[in-house]
Protein backbone atom coordinates (compact mmCIF):
# COMPACT_ATOMS: atom_id res chain seq x y z
CA MET A 1 0.01 0.01 -0.06
CA ARG A 2 2.84 2.28 0.79
CA PRO A 3 4.62 2.22 -2.55
CA THR A 4 1.20 2.69 -4.38
CA THR A 5 0.71 5.75 -1.96
CA ALA A 6 4.19 7.08 -2.77
CA GLY A 7 3.66 6.46 -6.61
CA PHE A 8 0.28 8.32 -6.67
CA THR A 9 1.82 11.29 -4.59
CA ARG A 10 4.71 11.51 -7.06
CA ALA A 11 2.57 11.47 -10.00
CA VAL A 12 0.25 14.22 -8.51
CA VAL A 13 3.02 16.39 -7.45
CA LEU A 14 4.90 16.12 -10.99
CA LEU A 15 1.46 17.25 -12.55
CA ALA A 16 1.13 19.95 -10.19
CA VAL A 17 4.66 21.45 -11.13
CA VAL A 18 4.08 20.96 -14.93
CA ALA A 19 0.63 22.56 -14.54
CA ALA A 20 1.97 25.53 -12.57
CA VAL A 21 4.69 25.94 -15.20
CA GLY A 22 1.90 26.25 -17.85
CA LEU A 23 -0.20 28.60 -15.98
CA LEU A 24 2.70 31.15 -15.24
CA PRO A 25 1.49 33.76 -17.31
CA TRP A 26 -1.85 33.95 -15.70
CA LEU A 27 -0.52 33.45 -12.02
CA SER A 28 1.92 36.21 -12.49
CA GLY A 29 -0.83 38.80 -13.11
CA ARG A 30 1.32 40.27 -16.00
CA ASP A 31 0.25 40.29 -19.58
CA PRO A 32 2.26 37.78 -21.39
CA ALA A 33 1.79 39.32 -24.61
CA LEU A 34 3.34 42.63 -23.45
CA THR A 35 6.29 40.83 -22.26
CA VAL A 36 6.80 38.67 -25.27
CA LEU A 37 6.68 42.08 -27.39
CA ARG A 38 9.24 43.81 -25.31
CA ALA A 39 11.45 40.59 -25.85
CA ARG A 40 10.83 40.47 -29.54
CA SER A 41 11.42 44.11 -30.09
CA ALA A 42 11.86 46.78 -27.18
CA GLU A 43 11.02 49.69 -29.51
CA GLN A 44 7.67 48.69 -31.05
CA GLU A 45 4.62 50.20 -29.61
CA PRO A 46 2.29 48.04 -27.46
CA THR A 47 -0.87 49.11 -29.24
CA LYS A 48 -4.18 47.16 -28.46
CA GLU A 49 -3.94 45.84 -32.25
CA THR A 50 -0.35 44.45 -31.74
CA LEU A 51 -1.19 42.79 -28.43
CA ASP A 52 -4.21 41.27 -29.65
CA ALA A 53 -2.18 39.79 -32.93
CA ILE A 54 0.38 38.31 -30.32
CA ARG A 55 -2.33 36.77 -28.31
CA ARG A 56 -3.96 35.14 -31.41
CA ASP A 57 -0.37 33.99 -32.48
CA LEU A 58 0.43 32.31 -29.15
CA GLY A 59 -3.16 30.98 -28.60
CA LEU A 60 -3.41 33.20 -25.27
CA ASP A 61 -6.99 34.18 -26.31
CA ALA A 62 -7.93 30.39 -25.86
CA GLY A 63 -7.38 30.68 -22.09
CA PRO A 64 -4.74 28.87 -19.98
CA LEU A 65 -6.34 25.34 -19.73
CA SER A 66 -6.61 25.05 -23.68
CA LEU A 67 -3.12 26.25 -23.99
CA LEU A 68 -1.86 23.67 -21.31
CA GLY A 69 -3.74 21.00 -23.19
CA HIS A 70 -2.30 21.80 -26.38
CA TRP A 71 1.23 21.70 -25.18
CA ALA A 72 0.44 18.26 -23.27
CA ARG A 73 -0.76 16.81 -26.36
CA GLY A 74 2.35 18.09 -28.16
CA LEU A 75 4.42 16.53 -25.42
CA VAL A 76 2.81 12.81 -26.28
CA ARG A 77 4.15 13.38 -29.76
CA GLY A 78 7.70 14.63 -28.56
CA ASP A 79 7.05 18.16 -29.56
CA LEU A 80 7.81 20.86 -26.86
CA GLY A 81 6.39 23.58 -29.00
CA THR A 82 7.80 26.71 -30.49
CA SER A 83 9.56 29.71 -28.80
CA TRP A 84 7.42 32.51 -28.25
CA VAL A 85 10.40 34.95 -28.80
CA SER A 86 12.75 33.40 -31.32
CA GLY A 87 10.05 31.47 -33.12
CA THR A 88 12.42 28.33 -33.30
CA ASP A 89 11.34 24.79 -32.02
CA VAL A 90 12.06 24.44 -28.31
CA LEU A 91 13.25 20.96 -28.46
CA PRO A 92 16.66 21.71 -30.12
CA SER A 93 17.25 24.44 -27.80
CA VAL A 94 16.53 22.32 -24.65
CA THR A 95 18.61 19.29 -25.95
CA ALA A 96 21.55 21.70 -26.43
CA GLY A 97 21.25 23.10 -23.19
CA LEU A 98 20.97 19.90 -21.72
CA GLN A 99 23.87 18.30 -23.30
CA VAL A 100 26.09 21.23 -22.15
CA SER A 101 24.92 20.83 -18.68
CA LEU A 102 25.51 17.30 -18.55
CA ALA A 103 29.04 17.71 -19.78
CA LEU A 104 29.71 20.38 -17.24
CA MET A 105 27.98 18.17 -14.44
CA GLY A 106 30.67 15.27 -15.37
CA ALA A 107 33.55 17.42 -15.27
CA ALA A 108 32.29 18.92 -11.89
CA LEU A 109 31.85 15.49 -10.45
CA ALA A 110 35.39 14.50 -11.46
CA VAL A 111 36.51 17.48 -9.61
CA ALA A 112 34.36 16.85 -6.72
CA VAL A 113 35.50 13.12 -6.40
CA LEU A 114 39.09 14.34 -6.35
CA LEU A 115 38.44 16.83 -3.61
CA ALA A 116 36.56 14.24 -1.84
CA VAL A 117 39.48 11.83 -2.07
CA VAL A 118 41.88 14.15 -0.55
CA LEU A 119 39.54 14.92 2.49
CA VAL A 120 38.86 11.25 3.03
CA THR A 121 42.37 9.99 2.76
CA PRO A 122 43.55 11.23 6.29
CA VAL A 123 40.65 9.46 7.87
CA LEU A 124 41.50 6.41 6.23
CA VAL A 125 45.07 6.78 7.38
CA ARG A 126 44.49 7.89 11.03
CA GLY A 127 41.43 5.40 11.50
CA ARG A 128 39.32 8.42 13.05
CA GLY A 129 37.66 11.44 11.93
CA SER A 130 37.55 15.11 12.46
CA ALA A 131 34.68 17.82 13.29
CA GLY A 132 34.47 18.17 9.47
CA ALA A 133 34.35 22.04 9.71
CA GLY A 134 36.93 22.64 6.87
CA ALA A 135 34.93 20.23 4.52
CA ALA A 136 31.67 22.15 5.69
CA MET A 137 33.48 25.53 5.01
CA LEU A 138 34.37 24.38 1.57
CA ALA A 139 30.95 22.96 1.03
CA ALA A 140 29.46 26.57 1.96
CA VAL A 141 31.72 28.41 -0.65
CA PRO A 142 29.25 30.26 -3.02
CA GLU A 143 30.01 28.82 -6.54
CA VAL A 144 30.03 32.24 -8.21
CA LEU A 145 33.36 33.00 -5.74
CA PRO A 146 35.68 30.34 -7.25
CA ALA A 147 34.26 31.08 -10.60
CA THR A 148 34.95 34.85 -10.17
CA VAL A 149 38.55 34.20 -8.57
CA GLY A 150 39.49 31.59 -11.32
CA LEU A 151 38.13 33.94 -14.15
CA LEU A 152 40.30 36.59 -12.97
CA VAL A 153 43.45 34.78 -11.94
CA CYS A 154 43.58 32.11 -14.55
CA GLY A 155 41.72 33.73 -17.28
CA VAL A 156 42.54 37.36 -17.22
CA TRP A 157 45.80 37.92 -15.48
CA LEU A 158 47.56 34.63 -16.26
CA GLY A 159 45.83 33.88 -19.46
CA TRP A 160 45.94 30.30 -19.14
CA LEU A 161 42.36 29.45 -19.94
CA PRO A 162 39.01 30.95 -21.78
CA THR A 163 37.06 33.17 -19.69
CA SER A 164 33.63 32.59 -21.49
CA GLY A 165 31.95 30.64 -23.80
CA TRP A 166 31.63 26.82 -24.81
CA GLN A 167 33.80 25.79 -27.50
CA GLY A 168 36.09 23.05 -26.23
CA PRO A 169 37.49 21.08 -23.28
CA ALA A 170 39.53 24.15 -22.25
CA TYR A 171 36.24 26.03 -21.62
CA MET A 172 35.34 23.42 -19.19
CA VAL A 173 38.06 23.79 -16.56
CA LEU A 174 37.15 26.77 -14.81
CA PRO A 175 33.28 26.22 -14.67
CA ALA A 176 33.80 22.71 -13.46
CA VAL A 177 36.40 23.66 -10.52
CA ALA A 178 33.93 26.20 -9.36
CA LEU A 179 31.34 23.78 -9.15
CA GLY A 180 33.28 20.92 -8.17
CA VAL A 181 34.80 22.59 -4.84
CA PRO A 182 31.60 22.96 -3.06
CA ALA A 183 30.35 19.48 -4.12
CA GLY A 184 33.63 17.88 -3.09
CA GLY A 185 33.55 19.41 0.33
CA LEU A 186 29.79 17.88 0.55
CA LEU A 187 30.80 14.45 -0.54
CA GLY A 188 34.10 14.42 1.54
CA ARG A 189 32.46 15.34 4.60
CA LEU A 190 29.74 12.69 4.07
CA VAL A 191 32.11 9.89 3.71
CA ALA A 192 34.54 11.18 6.49
CA ASP A 193 31.87 11.34 9.09
CA ALA A 194 30.72 7.73 8.31
CA LEU A 195 34.09 6.18 8.13
CA PRO A 196 35.27 6.22 11.63
CA ALA A 197 32.24 4.16 12.96
CA VAL A 198 32.76 1.63 10.20
CA LEU A 199 36.33 1.32 10.91
CA GLU A 200 35.71 0.18 14.44
CA GLU A 201 33.32 -2.48 13.31
CA ARG A 202 34.31 -6.08 14.12
CA TRP A 203 35.19 -7.22 10.79
CA VAL A 204 38.04 -4.73 10.45
CA GLU A 205 39.44 -5.96 13.65
CA LEU A 206 39.36 -9.54 12.27
CA TRP A 207 40.73 -8.56 8.91
CA ARG A 208 43.76 -6.73 10.51
CA GLY A 209 44.46 -9.76 12.79
CA ALA A 210 44.48 -11.96 9.72
CA GLY A 211 47.17 -9.85 8.01
CA VAL A 212 44.85 -8.12 5.55
CA SER A 213 46.57 -5.23 4.08
CA ARG A 214 45.47 -1.57 4.89
CA ALA A 215 44.69 -0.76 1.27
CA ARG A 216 42.35 -3.71 1.07
CA ILE A 217 40.80 -2.94 4.32
CA SER A 218 40.25 0.74 3.34
CA ALA A 219 38.67 -0.37 -0.17
CA ALA A 220 36.27 -2.72 1.72
CA ALA A 221 35.49 0.19 4.26
CA LEU A 222 34.53 2.56 1.56
CA ARG A 223 32.45 -0.08 -0.15
CA ARG A 224 30.48 -0.54 3.26
CA VAL A 225 30.06 3.29 3.58
CA LEU A 226 28.89 4.01 -0.07
CA PRO A 227 25.46 2.28 -0.32
CA PRO A 228 23.65 4.47 2.31
CA LEU A 229 25.10 7.61 1.00
CA VAL A 230 24.67 6.96 -2.68
CA PRO A 231 21.20 8.69 -2.67
CA GLN A 232 22.81 11.85 -1.34
CA PHE A 233 25.42 11.83 -3.93
CA GLY A 234 22.49 11.58 -6.45
CA MET A 235 20.94 14.85 -4.97
CA ALA A 236 24.40 16.37 -5.24
CA ALA A 237 24.60 15.57 -9.02
CA VAL A 238 21.12 17.04 -9.61
CA GLY A 239 22.22 20.12 -7.75
CA LEU A 240 25.17 20.45 -9.92
CA THR A 241 23.10 20.56 -13.03
CA GLY A 242 20.46 22.69 -11.66
CA GLY A 243 22.48 24.78 -9.53
CA ALA A 244 24.90 25.64 -12.05
CA VAL A 245 22.99 28.88 -13.13
CA ALA A 246 25.41 31.29 -11.40
CA VAL A 247 28.52 29.71 -12.67
CA GLU A 248 26.53 29.37 -16.44
CA THR A 249 26.09 33.23 -15.91
CA VAL A 250 29.64 34.12 -14.90
CA PHE A 251 31.18 32.32 -17.89
CA ALA A 252 28.37 32.62 -20.46
CA VAL A 253 27.92 28.76 -20.67
CA PRO A 254 24.64 27.87 -22.61
CA GLY A 255 23.59 25.31 -20.13
CA ILE A 256 19.78 24.14 -19.46
CA GLY A 257 19.81 26.17 -16.26
CA ARG A 258 20.86 29.42 -17.99
CA THR A 259 18.32 28.97 -20.57
CA ALA A 260 15.49 28.38 -17.95
CA LEU A 261 16.45 31.40 -16.39
CA GLY A 262 16.41 33.64 -19.60
CA ALA A 263 13.21 31.87 -20.69
CA ALA A 264 11.60 33.13 -17.25
CA LYS A 265 12.55 36.39 -17.51
CA SER A 266 11.19 36.94 -21.13
CA GLN A 267 8.12 34.83 -20.23
CA ASP A 268 8.82 32.48 -23.02
CA LEU A 269 6.59 29.73 -21.68
CA PRO A 270 7.19 27.01 -24.09
CA LEU A 271 11.26 26.98 -23.63
CA LEU A 272 10.54 27.36 -19.85
CA GLN A 273 8.43 24.32 -19.73
CA GLY A 274 10.83 22.28 -21.78
CA SER A 275 13.79 23.40 -19.74
CA VAL A 276 11.97 22.54 -16.36
CA LEU A 277 10.53 19.54 -17.60
CA ALA A 278 14.10 18.34 -18.63
CA LEU A 279 15.50 19.23 -15.38
CA LEU A 280 12.73 17.16 -13.75
CA LEU A 281 13.20 14.28 -15.74
CA LEU A 282 17.08 14.38 -15.14
CA GLY A 283 16.42 14.45 -11.40
CA LEU A 284 14.31 11.50 -11.48
CA VAL A 285 16.56 9.60 -13.54
CA THR A 286 19.50 10.38 -11.40
CA GLY A 287 17.58 9.41 -8.43
CA ALA A 288 16.63 6.03 -9.97
CA LEU A 289 20.19 5.57 -11.07
CA ALA A 290 21.52 6.18 -7.48
CA ALA A 291 18.95 3.59 -6.19
CA LEU A 292 20.30 1.01 -8.79
CA ALA A 293 23.94 1.72 -7.87
CA ARG A 294 23.02 1.29 -4.15
CA ARG A 295 21.42 -2.13 -5.02
CA ARG A 296 24.45 -3.23 -6.85
CA LEU A 297 26.97 -2.05 -4.06
CA LEU A 298 24.77 -3.96 -1.41
CA GLY A 299 24.71 -7.30 -3.43
CA PRO A 300 21.82 -9.78 -3.13
CA ALA A 301 22.99 -11.00 0.53
CA LEU A 302 22.48 -7.55 2.08
CA ARG A 303 19.77 -6.14 -0.43
CA ASP A 304 17.03 -7.22 1.51
CA ALA A 305 18.36 -6.23 4.78
CA SER A 306 18.69 -2.71 3.76
CA LEU A 307 22.06 -2.21 5.07
CA ALA A 308 22.60 0.96 7.16
CA LEU A 309 25.47 2.63 8.54
CA PRO A 310 26.21 2.46 12.19
CA PRO A 311 25.73 5.45 14.35
CA ALA A 312 28.64 7.90 13.87
CA ARG A 313 30.76 8.25 16.90
CA PRO A 314 30.60 11.78 18.20
CA VAL A 315 33.93 13.67 17.69
CA ARG A 316 35.22 15.33 20.53
CA THR A 317 35.88 19.04 19.61
CA SER A 318 37.62 21.78 21.59
CA ALA A 319 35.27 24.58 22.58
CA ALA A 320 37.72 27.10 21.23
CA ILE A 321 36.82 26.21 17.45
CA PRO A 322 33.27 27.08 17.66
CA LEU A 323 33.91 29.91 20.32
CA ALA A 324 36.44 31.44 17.88
CA LEU A 325 34.17 31.24 14.86
CA ALA A 326 31.02 32.68 16.62
CA THR A 327 33.22 35.36 18.03
CA ALA A 328 34.26 36.33 14.61
CA LEU A 329 30.96 36.00 13.10
CA VAL A 330 29.09 37.84 15.89
CA THR A 331 31.84 40.75 16.17
CA THR A 332 31.78 41.42 12.62
CA ILE A 333 27.88 41.45 12.33
CA GLY A 334 27.73 43.53 15.39
CA TRP A 335 30.16 45.99 14.16
CA GLY A 336 28.39 46.42 10.83
CA LEU A 337 24.99 47.01 12.48
CA LEU A 338 26.39 50.19 14.18
CA ARG A 339 27.22 51.77 10.58
CA ASP A 340 24.77 53.00 7.89
CA PRO A 341 24.58 50.51 5.08
CA TYR A 342 22.75 52.65 2.61
CA ALA A 343 25.25 55.79 2.83
CA VAL A 344 26.59 56.70 -0.72
CA ASN A 345 29.94 58.49 -1.03
CA THR A 346 31.09 58.41 -4.50
CA ALA A 347 34.32 60.18 -3.83
CA ALA A 348 35.34 56.79 -1.65
CA ARG A 349 34.27 54.44 -4.42
CA LEU A 350 36.09 50.99 -4.20
CA ALA A 351 38.21 52.31 -1.48
CA SER A 352 40.56 49.42 0.28
CA PRO A 353 40.07 48.27 3.76
CA SER A 354 41.03 51.20 6.31
CA TRP A 355 40.21 52.27 9.76
CA ALA A 356 37.35 54.23 8.37
CA HIS A 357 36.14 51.24 6.28
CA PRO A 358 37.26 48.00 7.90
CA LEU A 359 36.27 46.05 4.83
CA GLY A 360 36.47 48.67 2.13
CA THR A 361 33.78 50.25 0.14
CA ASP A 362 31.75 48.95 -2.96
CA GLY A 363 30.95 50.57 -6.27
CA LEU A 364 28.88 53.34 -4.81
CA GLY A 365 31.19 54.05 -1.83
CA ARG A 366 28.89 52.26 0.53
CA ASP A 367 30.52 50.67 3.60
CA VAL A 368 30.96 46.92 3.06
CA LEU A 369 31.07 46.14 6.64
CA ALA A 370 27.84 47.96 7.13
CA ARG A 371 26.10 45.91 4.34
CA LEU A 372 27.45 42.90 5.58
CA GLY A 373 26.18 43.29 9.05
CA HIS A 374 22.79 44.35 8.10
CA GLY A 375 22.46 41.81 5.37
CA ALA A 376 22.85 39.06 8.15
CA ALA A 377 19.57 39.55 9.17
CA ALA A 378 18.12 39.25 5.57
CA THR A 379 20.28 36.10 4.87
CA ILE A 380 20.82 34.19 8.33
CA GLY A 381 17.47 35.51 9.53
CA THR A 382 15.34 34.19 6.49
CA ALA A 383 17.46 30.95 6.66
CA ALA A 384 16.45 30.48 10.33
CA VAL A 385 12.71 30.94 9.35
CA VAL A 386 12.95 28.52 6.51
CA CYS A 387 14.82 26.05 8.79
CA VAL A 388 11.87 26.13 11.28
CA PHE A 389 9.12 25.96 8.58
CA SER A 390 11.15 22.71 7.11
CA LEU A 391 11.40 21.29 10.72
CA VAL A 392 7.60 21.78 11.52
CA LEU A 393 6.83 20.28 7.97
CA SER A 394 9.14 17.22 8.24
CA LEU A 395 7.96 16.44 11.76
CA ALA A 396 4.26 16.20 10.21
CA LEU A 397 5.33 14.44 7.29
CA GLY A 398 7.29 11.71 9.32
CA PHE A 399 4.05 10.39 10.52
CA VAL A 400 2.92 9.90 6.69
CA PRO A 401 6.10 8.43 5.03
CA GLY A 402 4.10 6.86 2.25
CA VAL A 403 2.64 10.44 1.12
CA ALA A 404 5.97 12.08 1.98
CA SER A 405 8.34 9.86 -0.10
CA GLY A 406 6.55 10.51 -3.32
CA ALA A 407 6.45 14.29 -2.83
CA ALA A 408 10.28 14.09 -1.60
CA ASP A 409 11.40 12.51 -5.19
CA ILE A 410 9.97 15.63 -6.95
CA ALA A 411 11.25 18.17 -4.40
CA ASN A 412 14.86 16.45 -4.72
CA ALA A 413 14.66 16.68 -8.41
CA LEU A 414 13.99 20.54 -8.24
CA PRO A 415 17.16 22.57 -7.30
CA PRO A 416 16.50 25.77 -5.46
CA VAL A 417 17.33 27.86 -8.35
CA ILE A 418 14.78 26.24 -10.69
CA VAL A 419 11.87 26.68 -7.94
CA GLY A 420 13.15 30.05 -7.51
CA ILE A 421 12.63 30.95 -11.09
CA LEU A 422 9.13 29.58 -11.14
CA VAL A 423 8.38 31.45 -8.00
CA ALA A 424 9.85 34.79 -9.33
CA ALA A 425 8.26 34.23 -12.81
CA ALA A 426 4.80 33.95 -10.90
CA ALA A 427 5.12 36.42 -7.93
CA GLY A 428 8.17 38.57 -8.67
CA PRO A 429 11.78 38.41 -7.34
CA GLY A 430 12.20 39.27 -3.57
CA THR A 431 13.10 37.97 -0.24
CA GLY A 432 9.59 36.11 0.55
CA GLY A 433 9.81 34.34 -2.81
CA ALA A 434 13.41 33.14 -2.25
CA ALA A 435 12.39 31.88 1.04
CA LEU A 436 9.32 30.07 -0.53
CA ALA A 437 11.42 28.38 -3.00
CA VAL A 438 14.14 27.34 -0.61
CA GLY A 439 11.52 26.02 1.85
CA VAL A 440 9.74 24.13 -0.80
CA ILE A 441 12.49 21.87 -1.39
CA SER A 442 14.45 21.89 1.88
CA TRP A 443 12.57 19.39 3.64
CA PRO A 444 12.80 16.04 2.37
CA ALA A 445 15.99 14.94 4.18
CA LEU A 446 14.52 16.02 7.55
CA SER A 447 11.21 14.22 6.75
CA ALA A 448 13.11 11.07 5.92
CA HIS A 449 15.05 11.51 9.21
CA ALA A 450 11.89 12.08 11.18
CA ALA A 451 10.06 9.13 9.36
CA ALA A 452 12.75 6.61 10.39
CA LEU A 453 12.80 7.72 13.97
CA VAL A 454 8.97 7.55 14.09
CA GLN A 455 9.10 3.93 13.02
CA GLU A 456 11.94 3.25 15.70
CA VAL A 457 9.96 4.79 18.37
CA ARG A 458 6.72 3.22 17.73
CA ALA A 459 8.37 -0.28 17.66
CA SER A 460 10.08 0.26 20.86
CA ALA A 461 9.16 -2.06 23.97
CA PHE A 462 8.53 0.86 26.15
CA LEU A 463 5.68 2.16 23.79
CA THR A 464 4.21 -1.26 23.94
CA ALA A 465 3.91 -1.38 27.72
CA GLN A 466 2.44 2.20 27.50
CA ARG A 467 -0.34 0.94 25.31
CA ALA A 468 -0.77 -2.18 27.61
CA ILE A 469 -1.44 0.01 30.75
CA GLY A 470 -4.06 1.95 28.68
CA ALA A 471 -2.15 5.16 27.65
CA SER A 472 -4.13 7.03 25.10
CA PRO A 473 -2.62 7.63 21.64
CA SER A 474 -2.48 11.47 22.29
CA TRP A 475 -0.73 10.95 25.63
CA ILE A 476 1.60 8.62 23.53
CA LEU A 477 2.23 11.06 20.77
CA THR A 478 2.91 14.11 22.92
CA ARG A 479 4.71 12.69 25.93
CA HIS A 480 6.84 10.01 24.01
CA VAL A 481 7.03 10.04 20.39
CA LEU A 482 7.15 13.70 19.54
CA PRO A 483 9.68 14.41 22.18
CA SER A 484 12.01 11.37 21.11
CA VAL A 485 11.86 12.63 17.30
CA ALA A 486 11.88 16.34 17.59
CA ALA A 487 15.33 16.64 19.38
CA PRO A 488 17.20 14.96 16.78
CA VAL A 489 15.50 16.32 13.80
CA ALA A 490 15.97 19.81 15.33
CA ARG A 491 19.72 19.18 15.51
CA HIS A 492 19.71 18.07 11.97
CA ALA A 493 17.72 21.19 10.77
CA LEU A 494 20.19 23.45 12.46
CA LEU A 495 23.16 21.72 10.50
CA ARG A 496 21.30 22.61 7.24
CA LEU A 497 21.03 26.10 8.26
CA PRO A 498 24.21 27.10 6.31
CA GLY A 499 23.13 25.26 2.97
CA ILE A 500 19.81 27.06 3.19
CA ALA A 501 21.61 30.34 3.79
CA LEU A 502 23.73 29.43 0.64
CA ALA A 503 20.88 28.65 -1.41
CA LEU A 504 19.28 31.95 -0.34
CA ALA A 505 22.42 33.77 -1.36
CA SER A 506 22.53 32.02 -4.90
CA LEU A 507 19.02 33.10 -5.48
CA GLY A 508 19.94 36.69 -4.59
CA PHE A 509 23.05 36.54 -6.83
CA LEU A 510 20.81 35.78 -9.88
CA GLY A 511 18.39 38.43 -8.99
CA LEU A 512 15.67 36.04 -7.81
CA GLY A 513 15.99 36.90 -4.26
CA ALA A 514 16.30 40.42 -2.42
CA GLN A 515 16.36 43.53 -4.70
CA PRO A 516 18.71 46.52 -4.69
CA PRO A 517 19.47 48.37 -2.51
CA ALA A 518 18.94 45.56 0.16
CA PRO A 519 22.07 44.49 1.78
CA GLU A 520 21.50 40.70 1.26
CA TRP A 521 24.71 38.44 1.20
CA GLY A 522 23.76 36.93 -2.43
CA LEU A 523 22.89 40.51 -3.66
CA LEU A 524 26.23 41.75 -2.49
CA LEU A 525 28.22 38.82 -4.36
CA ASP A 526 26.19 40.02 -7.55
CA GLU A 527 26.92 43.58 -7.01
CA SER A 528 30.84 43.11 -6.50
CA ARG A 529 31.01 40.85 -9.49
CA ALA A 530 31.49 43.84 -11.96
CA TYR A 531 34.48 45.28 -10.22
CA VAL A 532 35.96 42.33 -8.38
CA GLU A 533 39.37 42.60 -10.09
CA ARG A 534 39.82 46.17 -8.59
CA ALA A 535 38.03 45.49 -5.14
CA PRO A 536 37.95 41.66 -4.34
CA TRP A 537 37.28 42.51 -0.69
CA ALA A 538 33.54 43.33 -1.45
CA ALA A 539 32.99 40.00 -2.68
CA LEU A 540 35.11 37.84 -0.25
CA ALA A 541 33.22 39.38 2.65
CA PRO A 542 29.99 37.76 2.30
CA ALA A 543 31.71 34.48 0.66
CA VAL A 544 33.86 34.33 4.05
CA ALA A 545 30.86 35.09 6.23
CA LEU A 546 28.86 32.08 4.57
CA ALA A 547 31.99 29.79 5.19
CA LEU A 548 32.13 30.94 8.97
CA LEU A 549 28.56 30.32 9.30
CA ALA A 550 29.09 26.77 8.00
CA GLY A 551 32.05 25.92 10.14
CA LEU A 552 30.12 27.20 13.36
CA ALA A 553 27.18 25.09 12.75
CA VAL A 554 29.24 21.80 12.22
CA SER A 555 31.87 22.53 14.96
CA GLY A 556 29.38 23.59 17.47
CA ALA A 557 27.26 20.37 16.67
CA ALA A 558 30.33 18.15 17.19
CA TYR A 559 31.15 19.91 20.31
CA ALA A 560 27.91 19.48 21.66
CA GLN A 561 27.51 15.81 20.83
CA GLY A 562 30.96 15.09 22.13
CA ARG A 563 30.17 16.48 25.48
CA ARG A 564 26.91 14.40 25.57
CA ALA A 565 28.61 11.28 24.47
CA PRO A 566 29.58 8.83 27.39
CA VAL A 567 32.97 7.18 27.57
CA PRO A 568 32.91 3.59 26.41
CA SER A 569 33.30 1.14 29.33
CA THR A 570 35.95 -0.60 27.34
CA ALA A 571 38.06 2.50 26.96
CA ARG A 572 37.53 3.20 30.94
CA LYS A 573 38.98 -0.52 31.75
CA GLU A 574 42.02 0.00 29.35
CA THR A 575 42.93 3.43 30.92
CA PRO A 576 46.13 2.94 32.99
CA LEU A 577 45.64 4.44 36.44
CA GLY A 578 48.50 6.74 36.34
CA ALA A 579 47.24 8.10 32.95
């Protein structure tokens, strides 16, 4: 019954997304004929006769349902329609953009795997993990920062690589590195966090006693770690494709994400429908391939047992690490809040850091420190609200896993940028729309965690005893199930706060979030891109702040878990008395 429910939910949500794309011109409240006219010819006067002719040409006069039905009938025949702006067939444009994005995704995955190997190797050598703060900070680096730095250093200053376009393998290097560094930090952290517990399993001790080489044990440990993590690797791959819009924009790469962004801005509905549908199918296919790879890695002996990783051993971290990161972040934000973020001083444009302007000034002479401090409310505050929303939603959906899993498949297939494009096309860009876009796709991981905990608590002997003595379902739910589930899922949600802040910053960078002159961190990155060669501090400030936020979340959670973790009894027995 559960697979049937999940499949039905998956189909309903998929149809709802496709229908929402088809109804965008009417949901936005703007006249699509006027938008198309502006995209075709900005000089032509929008007379009533001209707009009526465009409506007849596009079929807008027949109404939204008729237009959506016509597109669906063409889709069955393999026809995605004709672009409203260029008049060309949509299918070749979508296919070309998807091919470029897939090639870029493959190259970025190669970079990510190499970086993940670098992060995981010390754990295999030492046999113990770290707090993961370094990897988390890499994962929180906005893709646009390494993209811009690589463009300037390797493209402009040194002239080693091309800076824009897509004409050969050389054009792939800088975009792939920009995308691969954050993804490699994420993948490396996932594997490095799981390895120490696996290396303490009984079979490792037996293999070492039998004289098995370290290389073979390491390979077996990686094979043991990978199956439960493969679905998250698939999500990272989808994020590389759909989340590459910022990098594609910096390097003028004609990928599917940049195609969708341009179609949304010009309200080229057929092209937007085809691009979003291609990204949806890519996400679903990637998820299916990840599930297949997991089954192959498990093998027939462990497939039915659904092999899971052992609980990760909490890493004891010094309080000095989160304390230092928190002090740096809070001090910087607090200092910035004392300054005016909107004061313009054209005489001090692009001034270097000084006592008067500790982080320099931007292109309008505004104080970067002030804008960074005031932007914390828009970035971290909004991310906190999205975190709370995702937590509440995931706790509710954790009790209906059949319904949640189907919707989660579609949510995982939609990167934040694509949802942001749809929301901005319907409601216009803004902080609220960006928060809604990120909130729509940020709950699946938390919901899966909550569902697993609910199942575990419900099956416990303690709750069986409570039912036997006549405890009511509401009493069991409020006094036992929810307290046991809410705390771990809340800690998980806190760890996702930096990722949510990064997603909001990415939408702001693309113009889909907060609008000028708001001092939002993603918008600061976008504004500084034009003059990053002359004033790199304006771009570094919000990027470093995002990295500090990630390091604080991970190291703080590691310190809290390390304090709660009891010392194993075997360790107490083996400790010498004089130690």
